[in-house]
């Protein structure tokens, strides 16, 4: 009885881990969001070539957030990060009206690829 209760207790209150993929067009604010979540403050960033990865703790969940560069030559590589991902954040700079349609098209293209992996 004690062993069963112990297992139940540890499953209910154990730290959970989730892998989150954050993508979007270049200069949309992905890295700024990542470090605001991680550090609680806005930091100066440079364009991401490749990726940034940080672990963000919230309650009993440990989120490993992968911030992947958004330059047009890097976008085809996003699909390589889909595997073992439990969540997706697609960042859109709503102030950049000239690129909202481009962001929409890229999101649709990416979702079509994601459906292939499901």
Protein backbone atom coordinates (compact mmCIF):
# COMPACT_ATOMS: atom_id res chain seq x y z
CA UNK A 1 0.00 0.00 0.00
CA UNK A 2 2.78 2.42 0.94
CA UNK A 3 4.69 1.67 -2.26
CA UNK A 4 1.59 2.25 -4.40
CA UNK A 5 0.85 5.55 -2.66
CA UNK A 6 4.48 6.60 -3.08
CA UNK A 7 4.39 5.89 -6.82
CA UNK A 8 1.11 7.77 -7.21
CA UNK A 9 2.44 10.72 -5.22
CA UNK A 10 5.66 10.90 -7.26
CA UNK A 11 3.76 10.73 -10.56
CA UNK A 12 1.40 13.50 -9.51
CA UNK A 13 4.05 15.84 -8.15
CA UNK A 14 7.15 14.91 -10.13
CA UNK A 15 8.72 17.58 -12.28
CA UNK A 16 7.44 17.30 -15.83
CA UNK A 17 9.61 18.11 -18.83
CA UNK A 18 8.39 19.58 -22.10
CA UNK A 19 10.25 20.49 -25.27
CA UNK A 20 8.92 23.63 -26.97
CA UNK A 21 9.87 24.83 -30.45
CA UNK A 22 9.70 28.58 -31.06
CA UNK A 23 9.83 29.73 -34.68
CA UNK A 24 8.80 32.72 -36.76
CA UNK A 25 10.23 35.12 -39.31
CA UNK A 26 13.57 36.77 -38.70
CA UNK A 27 13.39 39.79 -36.36
CA UNK A 28 9.96 38.76 -35.03
CA UNK A 29 11.12 38.78 -31.40
CA UNK A 30 11.69 35.08 -30.67
CA UNK A 31 14.99 35.52 -28.85
CA UNK A 32 13.69 38.52 -26.92
CA UNK A 33 10.71 36.44 -25.72
CA UNK A 34 12.97 33.51 -24.79
CA UNK A 35 15.24 35.60 -22.60
CA UNK A 36 12.34 37.55 -21.08
CA UNK A 37 10.91 34.18 -19.98
CA UNK A 38 14.30 32.93 -18.77
CA UNK A 39 15.72 36.06 -17.11
CA UNK A 40 12.63 38.17 -16.51
CA UNK A 41 14.10 41.12 -18.36
CA UNK A 42 14.57 42.42 -21.89
CA UNK A 43 18.07 41.87 -23.26
CA UNK A 44 19.78 43.16 -26.38
CA UNK A 45 19.88 40.43 -29.02
CA UNK A 46 21.53 39.79 -32.36
CA UNK A 47 20.07 37.80 -35.26
CA UNK A 48 20.00 34.08 -34.49
CA UNK A 49 22.02 31.97 -36.89
CA UNK A 50 21.16 28.42 -35.88
CA UNK A 51 19.35 28.26 -32.55
CA UNK A 52 19.27 29.27 -28.89
CA UNK A 53 18.10 26.77 -26.30
CA UNK A 54 17.19 27.55 -22.69
CA UNK A 55 15.36 25.79 -19.90
CA UNK A 56 12.55 27.76 -18.29
CA UNK A 57 11.00 26.55 -15.03
CA UNK A 58 7.32 27.18 -14.30
CA UNK A 59 5.63 25.54 -11.32
CA UNK A 60 6.54 21.84 -11.62
CA UNK A 61 7.24 21.96 -15.36
CA UNK A 62 10.64 22.33 -16.96
CA UNK A 63 10.28 23.76 -20.47
CA UNK A 64 13.22 23.33 -22.82
CA UNK A 65 12.62 26.08 -25.37
CA UNK A 66 14.34 25.91 -28.74
CA UNK A 67 14.44 29.33 -30.44
CA UNK A 68 15.33 28.67 -34.08
CA UNK A 69 16.54 31.36 -36.47
CA UNK A 70 13.96 32.72 -38.89
CA UNK A 71 15.98 33.86 -41.90
CA UNK A 72 14.49 32.54 -45.13
CA UNK A 73 17.48 30.25 -45.78
CA UNK A 74 17.14 28.69 -42.31
CA UNK A 75 13.36 28.08 -42.38
CA UNK A 76 13.58 24.78 -44.31
CA UNK A 77 15.60 23.44 -41.35
CA UNK A 78 12.74 23.99 -38.88
CA UNK A 79 11.30 20.56 -39.67
CA UNK A 80 14.39 18.91 -38.19
CA UNK A 81 13.36 20.23 -34.78
CA UNK A 82 9.79 18.82 -34.83
CA UNK A 83 10.65 15.39 -33.45
CA UNK A 84 10.02 14.98 -29.70
CA UNK A 85 8.45 18.45 -29.49
CA UNK A 86 5.37 18.82 -27.30
CA UNK A 87 4.58 22.43 -28.13
CA UNK A 88 5.04 25.04 -30.81
CA UNK A 89 5.17 28.83 -30.51
CA UNK A 90 4.96 30.76 -33.78
CA UNK A 91 5.98 34.37 -33.17
CA UNK A 92 4.58 37.15 -35.35
CA UNK A 93 5.69 40.78 -35.10
CA UNK A 94 2.25 42.41 -35.29
CA UNK A 95 3.89 45.83 -35.76
CA UNK A 96 5.53 44.70 -39.00
CA UNK A 97 2.41 44.89 -41.18
CA UNK A 98 4.46 44.44 -44.36
CA UNK A 99 5.42 40.90 -43.31
CA UNK A 100 2.20 39.56 -41.78
CA UNK A 101 1.24 37.82 -45.04
CA UNK A 102 4.73 36.30 -45.28
CA UNK A 103 4.38 35.06 -41.68
CA UNK A 104 0.98 33.56 -42.50
CA UNK A 105 2.34 31.75 -45.55
CA UNK A 106 5.31 30.41 -43.59
CA UNK A 107 3.03 29.20 -40.79
CA UNK A 108 0.81 27.37 -43.31
CA UNK A 109 3.85 25.81 -44.99
CA UNK A 110 5.23 24.68 -41.64
CA UNK A 111 1.91 23.25 -40.43
CA UNK A 112 1.63 21.20 -43.60
CA UNK A 113 5.05 19.73 -42.81
CA UNK A 114 4.11 19.11 -39.17
CA UNK A 115 1.04 17.14 -40.27
CA UNK A 116 3.37 14.88 -42.24
CA UNK A 117 5.25 14.00 -39.02
CA UNK A 118 2.13 13.24 -36.95
